[in-house]
Amino acid sequence: MRTEDLDYFCPPELIALEPARPTRVAWFCGSNPPAELTLPQLLHKMAPGDLLVRNQTQVIPARVFAEDQTEVLFLKAVNNLTWQVLFPAQKKKVGDSLSLPGGLTLTLTEKNLPQIVATSRSIDFDYFNQHGELALPPYIQAARGDRHNRTLDSSWYQSIWASVPGSVAAPTASLHFSTEDIQTLKSREVQIADLTLHVGAGTFLPIRTAELTAHQMHSEWAHIPSVTLAAITDTRDRGGRIWALGTTVARTLESFAQNLLQITDVGAIGETKLFIYPPYEFQNVDVLLTNFHQPKSTLLALVAAFSSLERTKANYQWAIEQKFRLFSYGDLSAWSK
């Protein structure tokens, strides 16, 4: 499969720069004609005994501006003094340094994507909370004409149940749901279960290869608690449906199905590099809830694998004609077999 097969035209005016309420929902069920739902209507499609699985990762403000205003996105600690990062390094060479707030110095040691840097001292989440900003998608920064966050982004770009710090980007399907929505589902005896996938380079780095299969996913840390594994088994045994709230949830559930996570006394845990693209047979997802994704992205490839490339592109075209809002702050789509 070629990467260009995942291309489509997205009108710039449909790229959402902030959330809109109420959320619009596009309902795509197999080969049936697409339809628009309200969020309450979507909630009522979840039957008693169904299971909604959500990602409880918390986005950390991991984007730090150097003294020369270079933006450095911290992705993952390799060890106490080494990090994977992303920053514009075209004019940098190995051994060059950047000065960051708090007296921190970074020294470039590898120029791959992501880059590897050595830090002058150990840093943790406290450093990012003091000196960093949330890493909003670059297209939002560009369209706003401002590289810095707005005050409300701290709540807009974080799910209400975020509790495990570690992501550099939000699992954006979760942003549509309120506490009241979750209570509505619980009152209808829909089960709610949590897992964690810390969103990193594996989710959002662009595909740079002509052939989709040549793209190398970077690993992301995932954990499915034992109670969630039990809920999945129970739902399957009773004939209920598993609703994955976001591509990160779908990828984590399928990583477990592919035996890519280690079974421990606290559940399934480990690093996953699973890249899902057509053809792929999902084992642990019956309904996928997700935003509308960028052209030629790994996220769009996952959606195409869940539905089909032909239906995905046709449904995206319908959504664009209906002026659904796109990408991280955009509207919700629901894909059912």
Protein backbone atom coordinates (compact mmCIF):
# COMPACT_ATOMS: atom_id res chain seq x y z
CA MET A 1 0.00 0.00 0.00
CA ARG A 2 1.32 3.42 -0.94
CA THR A 3 1.31 6.33 1.49
CA GLU A 4 -0.31 8.56 -1.12
CA ASP A 5 -3.38 6.30 -0.92
CA LEU A 6 -4.06 7.98 2.44
CA ASP A 7 -4.05 11.47 0.96
CA TYR A 8 -7.10 13.73 0.71
CA PHE A 9 -7.83 17.46 0.47
CA CYS A 10 -8.71 19.07 3.78
CA PRO A 11 -10.10 22.61 3.49
CA PRO A 12 -8.07 24.88 5.78
CA GLU A 13 -11.21 26.55 7.11
CA LEU A 14 -12.36 23.22 8.59
CA ILE A 15 -9.24 22.78 10.73
CA ALA A 16 -10.43 23.41 14.29
CA LEU A 17 -8.40 25.88 16.34
CA GLU A 18 -10.39 25.38 19.53
CA PRO A 19 -13.08 22.96 20.72
CA ALA A 20 -16.73 23.51 19.81
CA ARG A 21 -19.68 22.53 21.97
CA PRO A 22 -21.91 20.73 21.38
CA THR A 23 -19.77 18.15 19.64
CA ARG A 24 -20.94 16.92 16.25
CA VAL A 25 -20.69 13.17 15.70
CA ALA A 26 -20.36 11.43 12.34
CA TRP A 27 -21.76 7.88 12.49
CA PHE A 28 -20.24 5.40 10.03
CA CYS A 29 -21.73 1.92 10.25
CA GLY A 30 -20.35 -0.56 7.75
CA SER A 31 -21.62 0.08 4.24
CA ASN A 32 -24.67 2.04 5.46
CA PRO A 33 -24.98 5.71 4.44
CA PRO A 34 -23.19 8.04 6.89
CA ALA A 35 -25.28 9.99 9.37
CA GLU A 36 -24.85 12.81 11.84
CA LEU A 37 -25.65 12.22 15.52
CA THR A 38 -25.65 14.31 18.63
CA LEU A 39 -23.38 13.13 21.43
CA PRO A 40 -26.41 12.03 23.54
CA GLN A 41 -27.62 9.97 20.59
CA LEU A 42 -24.19 8.34 20.35
CA LEU A 43 -24.22 7.53 24.07
CA HIS A 44 -27.56 5.76 23.65
CA LYS A 45 -26.08 3.50 20.99
CA MET A 46 -23.98 1.97 23.76
CA ALA A 47 -26.04 -0.89 25.14
CA PRO A 48 -26.10 -2.20 28.70
CA GLY A 49 -23.24 -4.64 29.00
CA ASP A 50 -21.10 -2.85 26.41
CA LEU A 51 -17.62 -1.71 27.45
CA LEU A 52 -16.11 1.72 26.80
CA VAL A 53 -12.32 1.69 27.13
CA ARG A 54 -10.56 5.03 27.59
CA ASN A 55 -6.97 6.24 27.88
CA GLN A 56 -6.13 7.81 31.24
CA THR A 57 -2.79 9.28 30.16
CA GLN A 58 -2.11 12.86 31.15
CA VAL A 59 -0.41 15.29 28.77
CA ILE A 60 2.70 16.90 30.22
CA PRO A 61 3.85 20.39 29.13
CA ALA A 62 6.88 18.93 27.39
CA ARG A 63 7.49 21.71 24.85
CA VAL A 64 10.21 24.04 26.12
CA PHE A 65 11.52 27.19 24.42
CA ALA A 66 15.29 27.61 24.37
CA GLU A 67 16.90 31.00 24.92
CA ASP A 68 17.10 31.46 21.13
CA GLN A 69 13.35 30.55 20.92
CA THR A 70 14.00 27.12 19.42
CA GLU A 71 11.11 24.83 20.39
CA VAL A 72 12.25 21.55 21.93
CA LEU A 73 9.68 18.78 22.40
CA PHE A 74 10.81 16.24 24.99
CA LEU A 75 9.48 12.80 24.05
CA LYS A 76 11.01 10.17 26.28
CA ALA A 77 13.82 9.78 28.80
CA VAL A 78 16.42 7.25 27.68
CA ASN A 79 18.15 7.53 31.06
CA ASN A 80 18.67 10.20 33.73
CA LEU A 81 20.78 12.40 31.46
CA THR A 82 19.60 11.42 27.95
CA TRP A 83 16.34 12.24 26.16
CA GLN A 84 14.63 11.65 22.86
CA VAL A 85 13.48 15.05 21.56
CA LEU A 86 12.20 16.79 18.46
CA PHE A 87 13.43 20.22 17.40
CA PRO A 88 14.48 21.91 14.12
CA ALA A 89 18.02 20.56 13.91
CA GLN A 90 18.82 21.06 10.24
CA LYS A 91 21.48 23.68 11.00
CA LYS A 92 22.78 21.89 14.09
CA LYS A 93 25.61 19.39 14.21
CA VAL A 94 26.42 16.73 16.78
CA GLY A 95 28.02 18.42 19.76
CA ASP A 96 26.06 21.69 19.43
CA SER A 97 24.18 22.91 22.50
CA LEU A 98 20.97 24.70 23.39
CA SER A 99 20.38 26.75 26.56
CA LEU A 100 16.98 26.18 28.16
CA PRO A 101 15.22 27.81 31.12
CA GLY A 102 16.28 26.86 34.62
CA GLY A 103 19.95 26.69 33.66
CA LEU A 104 19.48 23.49 31.64
CA THR A 105 21.79 22.79 28.70
CA LEU A 106 21.09 20.27 25.94
CA THR A 107 23.85 18.80 23.80
CA LEU A 108 22.93 17.11 20.53
CA THR A 109 24.34 13.57 20.36
CA GLU A 110 22.31 12.02 17.50
CA LYS A 111 20.49 13.73 14.60
CA ASN A 112 17.98 10.99 13.73
CA LEU A 113 14.25 11.42 14.19
CA PRO A 114 13.71 11.72 17.04
CA GLN A 115 16.98 13.37 18.01
CA ILE A 116 18.97 12.30 21.05
CA VAL A 117 20.30 14.93 23.46
CA ALA A 118 22.34 14.87 26.64
CA THR A 119 21.05 17.05 29.48
CA SER A 120 23.34 18.92 31.85
CA ARG A 121 21.34 17.58 34.78
CA SER A 122 18.47 15.24 35.50
CA ILE A 123 14.97 16.64 34.92
CA ASP A 124 11.48 15.37 35.74
CA PHE A 125 7.83 16.41 35.42
CA ASP A 126 8.39 19.29 37.86
CA TYR A 127 10.77 20.87 35.35
CA PHE A 128 8.17 20.73 32.58
CA ASN A 129 5.40 22.03 34.84
CA GLN A 130 7.59 25.01 35.66
CA HIS A 131 9.08 25.79 32.25
CA GLY A 132 7.08 23.97 29.56
CA GLU A 133 3.95 24.31 27.47
CA LEU A 134 1.57 21.71 26.07
CA ALA A 135 2.67 20.58 22.62
CA LEU A 136 -0.28 21.65 20.52
CA PRO A 137 -0.16 20.45 16.91
CA PRO A 138 1.95 22.78 14.75
CA TYR A 139 -0.96 23.46 12.39
CA ILE A 140 -2.90 25.02 15.29
CA GLN A 141 0.04 27.25 16.19
CA ALA A 142 0.48 28.27 12.55
CA ALA A 143 -3.20 29.04 11.97
CA ARG A 144 -3.44 31.01 15.20
CA GLY A 145 -0.26 32.92 14.36
CA ASP A 146 1.03 32.25 17.86
CA ARG A 147 3.59 29.65 18.93
CA HIS A 148 2.46 29.80 22.56
CA ASN A 149 -0.56 28.22 24.25
CA ARG A 150 -3.72 30.06 25.10
CA THR A 151 -4.75 29.97 28.75
CA LEU A 152 -7.70 27.67 28.06
CA ASP A 153 -5.58 25.11 26.20
CA SER A 154 -4.55 23.65 29.57
CA SER A 155 -8.14 22.43 30.05
CA TRP A 156 -9.13 22.06 26.39
CA TYR A 157 -6.22 19.72 25.63
CA GLN A 158 -6.62 17.38 28.61
CA SER A 159 -9.28 14.74 29.23
CA ILE A 160 -11.30 14.99 32.42
CA TRP A 161 -10.01 11.60 33.62
CA ALA A 162 -6.32 12.20 32.82
CA SER A 163 -4.40 10.83 35.80
CA VAL A 164 -1.14 9.18 34.65
CA PRO A 165 1.40 11.79 33.44
CA GLY A 166 3.50 10.88 30.44
CA SER A 167 2.00 11.90 27.07
CA VAL A 168 3.26 14.67 24.84
CA ALA A 169 -0.04 14.83 22.91
CA ALA A 170 -3.64 14.32 23.95
CA PRO A 171 -5.78 11.28 23.10
CA THR A 172 -8.14 13.70 21.44
CA ALA A 173 -11.26 11.52 21.17
CA SER A 174 -11.46 11.75 24.96
CA LEU A 175 -11.77 15.54 24.83
CA HIS A 176 -15.41 15.32 23.74
CA PHE A 177 -16.67 13.62 26.92
CA SER A 178 -17.75 15.23 30.19
CA THR A 179 -18.23 13.82 33.66
CA GLU A 180 -21.98 13.89 33.02
CA ASP A 181 -21.56 11.82 29.86
CA ILE A 182 -19.69 9.13 31.77
CA GLN A 183 -22.36 9.13 34.49
CA THR A 184 -25.03 8.73 31.80
CA LEU A 185 -23.27 5.65 30.48
CA LYS A 186 -22.84 4.16 33.94
CA SER A 187 -26.54 4.74 34.69
CA ARG A 188 -27.32 2.71 31.56
CA GLU A 189 -25.05 -0.11 32.80
CA VAL A 190 -22.36 0.52 30.22
CA GLN A 191 -19.03 -0.53 31.71
CA ILE A 192 -16.12 1.92 31.79
CA ALA A 193 -12.54 0.65 31.85
CA ASP A 194 -9.17 2.40 31.70
CA LEU A 195 -5.78 1.77 30.20
CA THR A 196 -2.74 3.93 29.56
CA LEU A 197 -0.78 4.61 26.42
CA HIS A 198 1.64 7.52 26.64
CA VAL A 199 1.40 9.27 23.30
CA GLY A 200 4.80 9.92 21.80
CA ALA A 201 6.56 9.97 18.46
CA GLY A 202 4.98 6.68 17.41
CA THR A 203 1.56 8.30 17.12
CA PHE A 204 2.27 11.61 15.44
CA LEU A 205 5.51 11.48 13.46
CA PRO A 206 4.63 11.81 9.76
CA ILE A 207 5.03 8.97 7.31
CA ARG A 208 8.02 9.85 5.13
CA THR A 209 8.20 6.68 3.04
CA ALA A 210 6.50 6.13 -0.31
CA GLU A 211 5.40 2.65 0.73
CA LEU A 212 3.33 2.53 3.90
CA THR A 213 4.90 -0.74 5.02
CA ALA A 214 8.37 0.86 5.03
CA HIS A 215 7.41 3.31 7.80
CA GLN A 216 8.99 2.50 11.17
CA MET A 217 6.84 3.22 14.22
CA HIS A 218 8.60 4.42 17.36
CA SER A 219 7.68 2.65 20.57
CA GLU A 220 5.18 3.96 23.11
CA TRP A 221 4.62 2.73 26.66
CA ALA A 222 1.31 1.01 27.36
CA HIS A 223 -0.40 -0.60 30.35
CA ILE A 224 -3.72 -2.44 30.51
CA PRO A 225 -4.63 -3.05 34.17
CA SER A 226 -5.78 -6.51 35.22
CA VAL A 227 -9.27 -5.18 35.97
CA THR A 228 -9.56 -3.92 32.38
CA LEU A 229 -8.39 -7.24 30.97
CA ALA A 230 -11.05 -8.95 33.08
CA ALA A 231 -13.70 -6.50 31.83
CA ILE A 232 -12.74 -7.27 28.21
CA THR A 233 -13.08 -11.00 28.80
CA ASP A 234 -16.38 -10.55 30.62
CA THR A 235 -17.77 -8.35 27.83
CA ARG A 236 -16.79 -10.89 25.20
CA ASP A 237 -18.32 -13.75 27.19
CA ARG A 238 -21.63 -11.90 27.49
CA GLY A 239 -21.73 -10.85 23.83
CA GLY A 240 -21.26 -7.15 24.52
CA ARG A 241 -19.39 -4.73 22.29
CA ILE A 242 -16.03 -3.13 23.05
CA TRP A 243 -15.91 0.58 22.23
CA ALA A 244 -12.40 2.00 21.87
CA LEU A 245 -12.29 5.68 22.76
CA GLY A 246 -9.53 6.78 20.41
CA THR A 247 -6.84 5.28 18.22
CA THR A 248 -4.48 5.06 21.20
CA VAL A 249 -6.94 2.77 22.97
CA ALA A 250 -7.44 0.68 19.82
CA ARG A 251 -3.69 0.36 19.34
CA THR A 252 -3.16 -0.69 22.95
CA LEU A 253 -5.95 -3.29 22.88
CA GLU A 254 -4.61 -4.71 19.65
CA SER A 255 -1.05 -4.75 21.00
CA PHE A 256 -2.36 -7.03 23.74
CA ALA A 257 -4.18 -9.17 21.18
CA GLN A 258 -0.93 -9.51 19.22
CA ASN A 259 0.95 -10.63 22.37
CA LEU A 260 3.17 -7.55 22.25
CA LEU A 261 2.67 -6.69 25.93
CA GLN A 262 4.01 -8.65 28.88
CA ILE A 263 1.52 -10.18 31.30
CA THR A 264 2.38 -9.26 34.90
CA ASP A 265 0.61 -9.20 38.26
CA VAL A 266 -0.61 -5.65 37.45
CA GLY A 267 -1.87 -6.47 33.97
CA ALA A 268 -0.39 -6.25 30.47
CA ILE A 269 2.47 -3.79 30.17
CA GLY A 270 5.30 -2.84 27.84
CA GLU A 271 6.46 -0.85 24.83
CA THR A 272 4.53 -1.20 21.58
CA LYS A 273 5.57 -0.42 18.02
CA LEU A 274 2.40 -1.85 16.50
CA PHE A 275 1.57 -0.12 13.21
CA ILE A 276 -1.97 -0.88 12.11
CA TYR A 277 -2.83 -0.44 8.43
CA PRO A 278 -4.93 -2.31 5.85
CA PRO A 279 -5.42 -5.21 5.80
CA TYR A 280 -5.74 -5.90 9.52
CA GLU A 281 -8.27 -7.93 11.49
CA PHE A 282 -9.18 -6.24 14.78
CA GLN A 283 -9.64 -8.64 17.67
CA ASN A 284 -10.50 -6.38 20.61
CA VAL A 285 -12.40 -3.46 19.07
CA ASP A 286 -15.99 -3.46 17.82
CA VAL A 287 -16.59 0.31 17.61
CA LEU A 288 -13.91 2.96 17.15
CA LEU A 289 -14.49 6.52 18.37
CA THR A 290 -11.95 8.97 17.02
CA ASN A 291 -11.40 12.43 15.59
CA PHE A 292 -10.82 13.15 11.91
CA HIS A 293 -7.12 12.68 11.18
CA GLN A 294 -4.56 14.31 8.94
CA PRO A 295 -3.83 13.00 5.44
CA LYS A 296 -1.10 10.39 5.08
CA SER A 297 -0.92 9.76 8.84
CA THR A 298 -0.55 6.54 10.83
CA LEU A 299 -3.84 7.40 12.56
CA LEU A 300 -5.72 7.56 9.28
CA ALA A 301 -4.10 4.24 8.32
CA LEU A 302 -5.56 2.69 11.49
CA VAL A 303 -9.04 4.00 10.66
CA ALA A 304 -8.73 2.63 7.11
CA ALA A 305 -7.76 -0.74 8.55
CA PHE A 306 -10.82 -0.74 10.82
CA SER A 307 -13.25 0.21 8.05
CA SER A 308 -11.65 0.01 4.61
CA LEU A 309 -9.63 2.48 2.61
CA GLU A 310 -12.46 3.00 0.12
CA ARG A 311 -15.12 3.59 2.80
CA THR A 312 -12.80 5.75 4.89
CA LYS A 313 -12.04 8.11 2.02
CA ALA A 314 -15.70 8.25 0.99
CA ASN A 315 -16.81 8.95 4.56
CA TYR A 316 -14.17 11.65 4.99
CA GLN A 317 -15.38 13.29 1.78
CA TRP A 318 -18.95 13.23 3.11
CA ALA A 319 -17.82 14.74 6.42
CA ILE A 320 -15.95 17.52 4.63
CA GLU A 321 -19.03 18.28 2.50
CA GLN A 322 -21.04 18.45 5.76
CA LYS A 323 -18.39 20.81 7.17
CA PHE A 324 -17.35 18.68 10.12
CA ARG A 325 -14.40 20.24 11.95
CA LEU A 326 -11.10 18.42 11.54
CA PHE A 327 -8.19 17.17 13.63
CA SER A 328 -7.28 17.52 17.32
CA TYR A 329 -9.87 20.12 18.36
CA GLY A 330 -12.38 18.95 15.74
CA ASP A 331 -15.49 16.80 15.74
CA LEU A 332 -15.92 13.12 16.59
CA SER A 333 -16.39 10.17 14.26
CA ALA A 334 -17.75 6.77 15.26
CA TRP A 335 -16.94 3.69 13.18
CA SER A 336 -18.98 0.52 13.68
CA LYS A 337 -18.66 -2.80 11.89
